[in-house]
Amino acid sequence: MRVGLLLVVGCASRASPPPEKPPEPYIPVALPVEQRLTVAPAESSLTADTVLAAISSSYLTGIKRCYKERLKVDAEARGKVMLAFKVDEHGKTGEPAASGFEPGVDACITAQMPSWTFPIPKDQDGEPTEATFRVVLQLVPE
């Protein structure tokens, strides 16, 4: 099964807000396997690239498993699912939510997300912090 990924990752941290300045443009980055990533300027050491790498290498199999279950019911099912989660000061995932595709697939992915771990996000002073991410995946049958 091929799962095309359109990844839009946004991140935020608990660090104090930066001084007012014009917003920086998002930078599109071409990635293999039909992945697209839009990176917002980050305020923590946990980057969108790191999150993307972890999802692609460790968690994509579980996401595909959820999607394959839906394909058994509807072989042409396709669409986007948004993953929203926070990475805490210990690298653990909190406040997980998958939405926008099909309720069963969304629930299946959401149930997996609390077990996801990432490198500990650190602020500009090197102190552990929290970072929030939103990832949009495009699910497409083979």
C-alpha atoms as a PDB file:
ATOM      1  CA  MET A   1       0.000   0.000   0.000  1.00  0.00           C
ATOM      2  CA  ARG A   2       1.235   3.461  -0.806  1.00  0.00           C
ATOM      3  CA  VAL A   3       0.419   6.245   1.564  1.00  0.00           C
ATOM      4  CA  GLY A   4       1.174   9.603   0.069  1.00  0.00           C
ATOM      5  CA  LEU A   5       2.023  12.072   2.752  1.00  0.00           C
ATOM      6  CA  LEU A   6       1.323  15.747   2.606  1.00  0.00           C
ATOM      7  CA  LEU A   7       2.913  16.820   5.828  1.00  0.00           C
ATOM      8  CA  VAL A   8       2.241  20.242   7.179  1.00  0.00           C
ATOM      9  CA  VAL A   9       3.999  20.568  10.463  1.00  0.00           C
ATOM     10  CA  GLY A  10       3.524  23.548  12.692  1.00  0.00           C
ATOM     11  CA  CYS A  11       5.185  23.834  16.015  1.00  0.00           C
ATOM     12  CA  ALA A  12       5.030  26.042  19.053  1.00  0.00           C
ATOM     13  CA  SER A  13       6.699  26.011  22.425  1.00  0.00           C
ATOM     14  CA  ARG A  14       6.102  27.491  25.849  1.00  0.00           C
ATOM     15  CA  ALA A  15       9.057  29.842  25.478  1.00  0.00           C
ATOM     16  CA  SER A  16       8.337  33.531  25.806  1.00  0.00           C
ATOM     17  CA  PRO A  17       7.026  35.057  22.591  1.00  0.00           C
ATOM     18  CA  PRO A  18       9.611  36.602  20.289  1.00  0.00           C
ATOM     19  CA  PRO A  19       9.628  40.362  19.786  1.00  0.00           C
ATOM     20  CA  GLU A  20       7.183  41.688  17.203  1.00  0.00           C
ATOM     21  CA  LYS A  21       8.534  41.378  13.674  1.00  0.00           C
ATOM     22  CA  PRO A  22       7.047  40.614  10.288  1.00  0.00           C
ATOM     23  CA  PRO A  23       6.104  36.933   9.943  1.00  0.00           C
ATOM     24  CA  GLU A  24       8.668  34.808   8.157  1.00  0.00           C
ATOM     25  CA  PRO A  25       7.440  32.910   5.114  1.00  0.00           C
ATOM     26  CA  TYR A  26       6.919  29.183   5.380  1.00  0.00           C
ATOM     27  CA  ILE A  27       9.579  27.201   3.582  1.00  0.00           C
ATOM     28  CA  PRO A  28       8.375  24.255   1.458  1.00  0.00           C
ATOM     29  CA  VAL A  29      10.833  21.348   1.527  1.00  0.00           C
ATOM     30  CA  ALA A  30      10.621  18.553  -1.059  1.00  0.00           C
ATOM     31  CA  LEU A  31      10.901  15.114   0.525  1.00  0.00           C
ATOM     32  CA  PRO A  32      10.914  11.584  -0.934  1.00  0.00           C
ATOM     33  CA  VAL A  33       7.859   9.300  -1.200  1.00  0.00           C
ATOM     34  CA  GLU A  34       5.538  12.112  -2.256  1.00  0.00           C
ATOM     35  CA  GLN A  35       5.933  13.909   1.062  1.00  0.00           C
ATOM     36  CA  ARG A  36       5.683  17.647   1.383  1.00  0.00           C
ATOM     37  CA  LEU A  37       6.563  19.496   4.535  1.00  0.00           C
ATOM     38  CA  THR A  38       5.949  23.090   5.433  1.00  0.00           C
ATOM     39  CA  VAL A  39       8.138  24.239   8.274  1.00  0.00           C
ATOM     40  CA  ALA A  40       7.207  27.181  10.467  1.00  0.00           C
ATOM     41  CA  PRO A  41      10.042  28.945  12.294  1.00  0.00           C
ATOM     42  CA  ALA A  42      10.636  26.972  15.501  1.00  0.00           C
ATOM     43  CA  GLU A  43      11.285  28.147  19.040  1.00  0.00           C
ATOM     44  CA  SER A  44      12.479  24.796  20.342  1.00  0.00           C
ATOM     45  CA  SER A  45      15.248  22.384  19.492  1.00  0.00           C
ATOM     46  CA  LEU A  46      12.700  19.785  18.384  1.00  0.00           C
ATOM     47  CA  THR A  47      12.355  20.594  14.723  1.00  0.00           C
ATOM     48  CA  ALA A  48       9.689  19.671  12.230  1.00  0.00           C
ATOM     49  CA  ASP A  49      12.312  17.639  10.340  1.00  0.00           C
ATOM     50  CA  THR A  50      13.012  15.568  13.465  1.00  0.00           C
ATOM     51  CA  VAL A  51       9.301  14.969  14.041  1.00  0.00           C
ATOM     52  CA  LEU A  52       8.839  14.010  10.389  1.00  0.00           C
ATOM     53  CA  ALA A  53      11.754  11.579  10.537  1.00  0.00           C
ATOM     54  CA  ALA A  54      10.372   9.905  13.667  1.00  0.00           C
ATOM     55  CA  ILE A  55       6.877   9.581  12.211  1.00  0.00           C
ATOM     56  CA  SER A  56       8.217   8.235   8.911  1.00  0.00           C
ATOM     57  CA  SER A  57      10.629   5.742  10.457  1.00  0.00           C
ATOM     58  CA  SER A  58       8.777   4.590  13.565  1.00  0.00           C
ATOM     59  CA  TYR A  59       5.076   5.413  13.431  1.00  0.00           C
ATOM     60  CA  LEU A  60       4.026   5.278   9.795  1.00  0.00           C
ATOM     61  CA  THR A  61       3.489   1.515   9.963  1.00  0.00           C
ATOM     62  CA  GLY A  62       0.774   1.962  12.600  1.00  0.00           C
ATOM     63  CA  ILE A  63      -0.883   4.731  10.613  1.00  0.00           C
ATOM     64  CA  LYS A  64      -0.892   2.504   7.526  1.00  0.00           C
ATOM     65  CA  ARG A  65      -2.434  -0.326   9.554  1.00  0.00           C
ATOM     66  CA  CYS A  66      -5.340   1.947  10.525  1.00  0.00           C
ATOM     67  CA  TYR A  67      -5.766   3.059   6.930  1.00  0.00           C
ATOM     68  CA  LYS A  68      -5.664  -0.523   5.579  1.00  0.00           C
ATOM     69  CA  GLU A  69      -8.583  -1.421   7.851  1.00  0.00           C
ATOM     70  CA  ARG A  70     -10.628   1.340   6.211  1.00  0.00           C
ATOM     71  CA  LEU A  71      -9.593   0.143   2.745  1.00  0.00           C
ATOM     72  CA  LYS A  72     -11.187  -3.240   3.534  1.00  0.00           C
ATOM     73  CA  VAL A  73     -14.538  -1.409   3.744  1.00  0.00           C
ATOM     74  CA  ASP A  74     -13.927   1.210   1.047  1.00  0.00           C
ATOM     75  CA  ALA A  75     -11.130   0.330  -1.391  1.00  0.00           C
ATOM     76  CA  GLU A  76     -11.136   3.870  -2.787  1.00  0.00           C
ATOM     77  CA  ALA A  77     -10.971   5.731   0.542  1.00  0.00           C
ATOM     78  CA  ARG A  78      -8.642   8.699   0.323  1.00  0.00           C
ATOM     79  CA  GLY A  79      -8.236  12.020   2.033  1.00  0.00           C
ATOM     80  CA  LYS A  80      -6.333  13.989   4.636  1.00  0.00           C
ATOM     81  CA  VAL A  81      -5.959  13.354   8.331  1.00  0.00           C
ATOM     82  CA  MET A  82      -4.556  15.978  10.683  1.00  0.00           C
ATOM     83  CA  LEU A  83      -2.482  14.847  13.637  1.00  0.00           C
ATOM     84  CA  ALA A  84      -2.163  17.311  16.493  1.00  0.00           C
ATOM     85  CA  PHE A  85      -0.043  16.605  19.550  1.00  0.00           C
ATOM     86  CA  LYS A  86       2.213  18.128  22.155  1.00  0.00           C
ATOM     87  CA  VAL A  87       5.674  16.821  23.013  1.00  0.00           C
ATOM     88  CA  ASP A  88       6.387  17.393  26.709  1.00  0.00           C
ATOM     89  CA  GLU A  89       9.610  18.033  28.641  1.00  0.00           C
ATOM     90  CA  HIS A  90      10.281  14.270  28.682  1.00  0.00           C
ATOM     91  CA  GLY A  91       9.752  13.664  24.950  1.00  0.00           C
ATOM     92  CA  LYS A  92       6.356  12.031  25.510  1.00  0.00           C
ATOM     93  CA  THR A  93       3.327  12.764  23.354  1.00  0.00           C
ATOM     94  CA  GLY A  94       0.358  14.420  25.010  1.00  0.00           C
ATOM     95  CA  GLU A  95      -2.977  15.809  23.893  1.00  0.00           C
ATOM     96  CA  PRO A  96      -3.073  13.538  20.819  1.00  0.00           C
ATOM     97  CA  ALA A  97      -5.797  13.975  18.232  1.00  0.00           C
ATOM     98  CA  ALA A  98      -6.247  12.730  14.694  1.00  0.00           C
ATOM     99  CA  SER A  99      -9.129  14.218  12.728  1.00  0.00           C
ATOM    100  CA  GLY A 100     -10.520  14.906   9.296  1.00  0.00           C
ATOM    101  CA  PHE A 101     -10.419  11.533   7.563  1.00  0.00           C
ATOM    102  CA  GLU A 102     -12.932   8.938   8.744  1.00  0.00           C
ATOM    103  CA  PRO A 103     -13.922   8.539  12.415  1.00  0.00           C
ATOM    104  CA  GLY A 104     -12.673   4.934  12.693  1.00  0.00           C
ATOM    105  CA  VAL A 105      -9.283   5.736  11.152  1.00  0.00           C
ATOM    106  CA  ASP A 106      -9.022   8.942  13.195  1.00  0.00           C
ATOM    107  CA  ALA A 107      -9.741   7.018  16.408  1.00  0.00           C
ATOM    108  CA  CYS A 108      -7.289   4.249  15.514  1.00  0.00           C
ATOM    109  CA  ILE A 109      -4.458   6.722  14.890  1.00  0.00           C
ATOM    110  CA  THR A 110      -5.338   8.775  17.994  1.00  0.00           C
ATOM    111  CA  ALA A 111      -5.129   5.604  20.114  1.00  0.00           C
ATOM    112  CA  GLN A 112      -1.558   4.995  18.923  1.00  0.00           C
ATOM    113  CA  MET A 113      -0.220   8.484  19.453  1.00  0.00           C
ATOM    114  CA  PRO A 114       0.230   8.437  23.272  1.00  0.00           C
ATOM    115  CA  SER A 115       2.974   5.818  22.859  1.00  0.00           C
ATOM    116  CA  TRP A 116       4.973   8.004  20.457  1.00  0.00           C
ATOM    117  CA  THR A 117       8.168   9.535  21.821  1.00  0.00           C
ATOM    118  CA  PHE A 118      10.449  12.180  20.400  1.00  0.00           C
ATOM    119  CA  PRO A 119      13.693  13.853  21.460  1.00  0.00           C
ATOM    120  CA  ILE A 120      13.180  16.238  24.379  1.00  0.00           C
ATOM    121  CA  PRO A 121      12.403  19.742  23.088  1.00  0.00           C
ATOM    122  CA  LYS A 122      14.627  22.422  24.578  1.00  0.00           C
ATOM    123  CA  ASP A 123      14.261  26.173  24.553  1.00  0.00           C
ATOM    124  CA  GLN A 124      16.924  28.667  23.510  1.00  0.00           C
ATOM    125  CA  ASP A 125      18.562  28.356  26.940  1.00  0.00           C
ATOM    126  CA  GLY A 126      18.802  24.565  26.646  1.00  0.00           C
ATOM    127  CA  GLU A 127      16.036  23.961  29.203  1.00  0.00           C
ATOM    128  CA  PRO A 128      13.403  21.287  28.551  1.00  0.00           C
ATOM    129  CA  THR A 129      10.169  22.760  27.217  1.00  0.00           C
ATOM    130  CA  GLU A 130       7.004  21.693  25.392  1.00  0.00           C
ATOM    131  CA  ALA A 131       6.415  21.854  21.656  1.00  0.00           C
ATOM    132  CA  THR A 132       3.128  21.506  19.788  1.00  0.00           C
ATOM    133  CA  PHE A 133       2.887  20.038  16.291  1.00  0.00           C
ATOM    134  CA  ARG A 134       0.241  19.656  13.616  1.00  0.00           C
ATOM    135  CA  VAL A 135       0.894  17.203  10.811  1.00  0.00           C
ATOM    136  CA  VAL A 136      -1.387  16.674   7.818  1.00  0.00           C
ATOM    137  CA  LEU A 137      -1.145  13.304   6.084  1.00  0.00           C
ATOM    138  CA  GLN A 138      -2.638  12.572   2.678  1.00  0.00           C
ATOM    139  CA  LEU A 139      -3.855   8.961   2.641  1.00  0.00           C
ATOM    140  CA  VAL A 140      -4.120   7.449  -0.838  1.00  0.00           C
ATOM    141  CA  PRO A 141      -4.761   3.806  -1.866  1.00  0.00           C
ATOM    142  CA  GLU A 142      -2.297   2.069  -4.172  1.00  0.00           C
END
